[in-house]
């Protein structure tokens, strides 16, 4: 049909010309779609590669304490993509590891500094906070102020408001509501 079209397009009837044009448009649309999927796959691959490079120790051990502070900008700088692209790629995507399935957003966290100036992940602070609350005297639970003092004794300079924010993010109620008789 296509050969006939190029050889004698003048002698083709209108229906045949429209059919050839229709097929050509559909083929162009399919090519565009395939390229878009390839580009999306490449973007996701490059983003995941950067996350693995930045969080290498976690991917080798599975230890959540090995997760380093990492923000969208860090991945964007490594991949050359815009921050909004990294956000869109990592949203609603998951990765299967030897240690479980994780939402890509799980690997992003803000950084904090210890009293020695060392950069740590807010996830590490949350883990310590959770441990303190799990080991507290349930008849006299720790207040946010007391938790802040404990963390400062461990070298983490964190305000009471930040403790409250992290506690709420982890769905841990205030001390008064954690009290057991």
Protein backbone atom coordinates (compact mmCIF):
# COMPACT_ATOMS: atom_id res chain seq x y z
CA UNK A 1 0.00 0.00 0.00
CA UNK A 2 2.76 2.47 0.90
CA UNK A 3 4.76 1.54 -2.18
CA UNK A 4 1.68 2.06 -4.28
CA UNK A 5 1.19 5.42 -2.66
CA UNK A 6 4.69 6.67 -3.47
CA UNK A 7 4.63 5.23 -7.00
CA UNK A 8 1.29 6.59 -8.10
CA UNK A 9 -0.20 8.87 -5.47
CA UNK A 10 -1.88 10.88 -8.22
CA UNK A 11 -3.95 7.93 -9.39
CA UNK A 12 -5.02 6.84 -5.84
CA UNK A 13 -8.57 7.49 -4.83
CA UNK A 14 -9.35 9.77 -1.90
CA UNK A 15 -10.13 6.89 0.51
CA UNK A 16 -6.75 5.27 -0.11
CA UNK A 17 -4.96 8.59 0.46
CA UNK A 18 -6.85 9.13 3.72
CA UNK A 19 -6.06 5.58 4.85
CA UNK A 20 -2.33 6.06 4.20
CA UNK A 21 -2.37 9.43 5.99
CA UNK A 22 -4.21 7.85 8.96
CA UNK A 23 -1.65 5.02 9.24
CA UNK A 24 1.23 7.48 8.97
CA UNK A 25 -0.22 9.64 11.79
CA UNK A 26 -0.72 6.58 14.01
CA UNK A 27 2.84 5.38 13.38
CA UNK A 28 4.23 8.84 14.25
CA UNK A 29 2.12 8.88 17.42
CA UNK A 30 3.37 5.40 18.40
CA UNK A 31 7.01 6.43 17.82
CA UNK A 32 6.53 9.51 20.00
CA UNK A 33 4.93 7.38 22.73
CA UNK A 34 7.78 4.84 22.67
CA UNK A 35 10.35 7.66 22.92
CA UNK A 36 8.47 9.21 25.85
CA UNK A 37 8.49 5.86 27.69
CA UNK A 38 12.23 5.42 27.00
CA UNK A 39 12.94 8.91 28.31
CA UNK A 40 10.85 8.29 31.44
CA UNK A 41 12.64 4.99 32.05
CA UNK A 42 16.03 6.66 31.65
CA UNK A 43 15.09 9.48 34.02
CA UNK A 44 13.93 6.99 36.66
CA UNK A 45 17.07 4.88 36.19
CA UNK A 46 19.41 7.89 36.55
CA UNK A 47 17.52 9.13 39.60
CA UNK A 48 17.67 5.72 41.27
CA UNK A 49 21.37 5.39 40.42
CA UNK A 50 22.06 8.72 42.17
CA UNK A 51 20.03 7.66 45.23
CA UNK A 52 21.96 4.39 45.43
CA UNK A 53 25.28 6.25 45.16
CA UNK A 54 24.28 8.71 47.89
CA UNK A 55 22.81 6.03 50.20
CA UNK A 56 25.34 3.27 49.35
CA UNK A 57 25.91 2.15 52.95
CA UNK A 58 22.19 1.62 53.51
CA UNK A 59 21.82 -0.44 50.34
CA UNK A 60 24.74 -2.61 51.40
CA UNK A 61 23.63 -3.18 55.02
CA UNK A 62 19.93 -2.39 55.24
CA UNK A 63 20.67 -0.45 58.45
CA UNK A 64 18.40 2.61 58.62
CA UNK A 65 20.99 4.37 60.76
CA UNK A 66 23.25 4.34 57.66
CA UNK A 67 20.87 6.63 55.76
CA UNK A 68 22.61 9.95 55.21
CA UNK A 69 20.89 13.29 54.99
CA UNK A 70 19.77 13.71 51.38
CA UNK A 71 17.47 16.26 49.80
CA UNK A 72 16.03 16.53 46.29
CA UNK A 73 18.73 19.07 45.38
CA UNK A 74 21.49 16.49 46.06
CA UNK A 75 20.00 14.06 43.55
CA UNK A 76 19.23 16.86 41.07
CA UNK A 77 22.87 17.98 41.13
CA UNK A 78 24.11 14.43 40.45
CA UNK A 79 21.67 13.73 37.62
CA UNK A 80 21.51 17.15 36.00
CA UNK A 81 17.70 17.12 36.25
CA UNK A 82 15.59 19.86 37.79
CA UNK A 83 14.51 19.49 41.44
CA UNK A 84 10.86 19.32 40.32
CA UNK A 85 11.73 16.40 38.01
CA UNK A 86 13.38 14.52 40.88
CA UNK A 87 10.34 15.17 43.05
CA UNK A 88 7.96 13.93 40.36
CA UNK A 89 10.09 10.84 39.62
CA UNK A 90 10.43 9.85 43.27
CA UNK A 91 6.76 10.42 44.08
CA UNK A 92 4.61 7.25 44.06
CA UNK A 93 7.59 5.06 43.13
CA UNK A 94 8.98 2.17 45.13
CA UNK A 95 12.20 0.16 45.09
CA UNK A 96 12.56 -3.46 46.12
CA UNK A 97 15.74 -4.19 48.10
CA UNK A 98 17.07 -7.22 49.94
CA UNK A 99 15.73 -5.56 53.09
CA UNK A 100 12.20 -4.81 51.92
CA UNK A 101 10.25 -2.52 49.64
CA UNK A 102 10.74 1.20 50.19
CA UNK A 103 9.03 4.31 48.88
CA UNK A 104 11.67 6.42 47.10
CA UNK A 105 10.74 9.38 49.29
CA UNK A 106 11.92 7.26 52.25
CA UNK A 107 15.53 7.94 51.30
CA UNK A 108 15.18 11.71 51.52
CA UNK A 109 15.65 13.42 54.87
CA UNK A 110 16.82 16.73 56.19
CA UNK A 111 20.19 17.04 57.86
CA UNK A 112 21.02 18.21 61.35
CA UNK A 113 24.28 18.87 63.09
CA UNK A 114 25.52 17.32 66.31
CA UNK A 115 27.31 19.44 68.87
CA UNK A 116 30.58 18.32 67.24
CA UNK A 117 29.44 19.63 63.83
CA UNK A 118 28.82 16.18 62.30
CA UNK A 119 25.97 16.01 59.75
CA UNK A 120 23.30 13.46 60.68
CA UNK A 121 19.94 12.53 59.23
CA UNK A 122 16.73 13.60 60.95
CA UNK A 123 15.77 9.93 60.57
CA UNK A 124 18.58 9.01 62.99
CA UNK A 125 17.25 11.53 65.51
CA UNK A 126 13.74 10.09 65.13
CA UNK A 127 15.08 6.58 65.78
CA UNK A 128 16.77 7.74 69.00
CA UNK A 129 13.63 9.62 70.00
CA UNK A 130 11.49 6.54 69.41
CA UNK A 131 13.88 4.40 71.44
CA UNK A 132 13.76 6.88 74.36
CA UNK A 133 9.96 6.84 74.34
CA UNK A 134 9.79 3.03 74.09
CA UNK A 135 12.10 2.70 77.12
CA UNK A 136 10.46 5.42 79.24
CA UNK A 137 8.65 4.77 82.53
CA UNK A 138 5.05 4.48 81.31
CA UNK A 139 3.75 5.77 84.66
CA UNK A 140 5.82 8.94 84.21
CA UNK A 141 6.36 9.48 80.46
CA UNK A 142 8.98 11.88 79.16
CA UNK A 143 7.83 15.34 78.12
CA UNK A 144 9.11 17.01 74.96
CA UNK A 145 11.35 19.23 77.13
CA UNK A 146 12.84 16.19 78.88
CA UNK A 147 13.33 14.40 75.53
CA UNK A 148 15.12 17.49 74.23
CA UNK A 149 17.43 17.43 77.28
CA UNK A 150 18.18 13.71 76.80
CA UNK A 151 19.02 14.22 73.13
CA UNK A 152 21.24 17.20 73.99
CA UNK A 153 23.10 15.01 76.50
CA UNK A 154 23.70 12.57 73.62
CA UNK A 155 25.11 15.39 71.49
CA UNK A 156 22.05 16.29 69.41
CA UNK A 157 21.12 19.96 69.71
CA UNK A 158 17.38 19.93 69.06
CA UNK A 159 14.68 22.34 70.19
CA UNK A 160 11.57 21.18 72.01
CA UNK A 161 9.44 22.29 69.02
CA UNK A 162 11.44 20.01 66.73
CA UNK A 163 10.99 17.11 69.17
CA UNK A 164 7.23 17.75 69.11
CA UNK A 165 7.23 17.87 65.30
CA UNK A 166 9.14 14.57 65.00
CA UNK A 167 6.94 12.93 67.64
CA UNK A 168 3.82 13.97 65.71
CA UNK A 169 5.31 12.73 62.42
CA UNK A 170 5.84 9.33 64.06
CA UNK A 171 2.25 9.36 65.41
CA UNK A 172 3.42 9.29 69.04
CA UNK A 173 1.04 11.08 71.40
CA UNK A 174 2.10 13.69 73.95
CA UNK A 175 3.37 12.52 77.36
CA UNK A 176 0.03 13.05 79.07
CA UNK A 177 -1.68 10.65 76.62
CA UNK A 178 1.11 8.04 76.86
CA UNK A 179 0.74 7.78 80.64
CA UNK A 180 -0.30 4.38 81.98
CA UNK A 181 -1.61 3.84 85.49
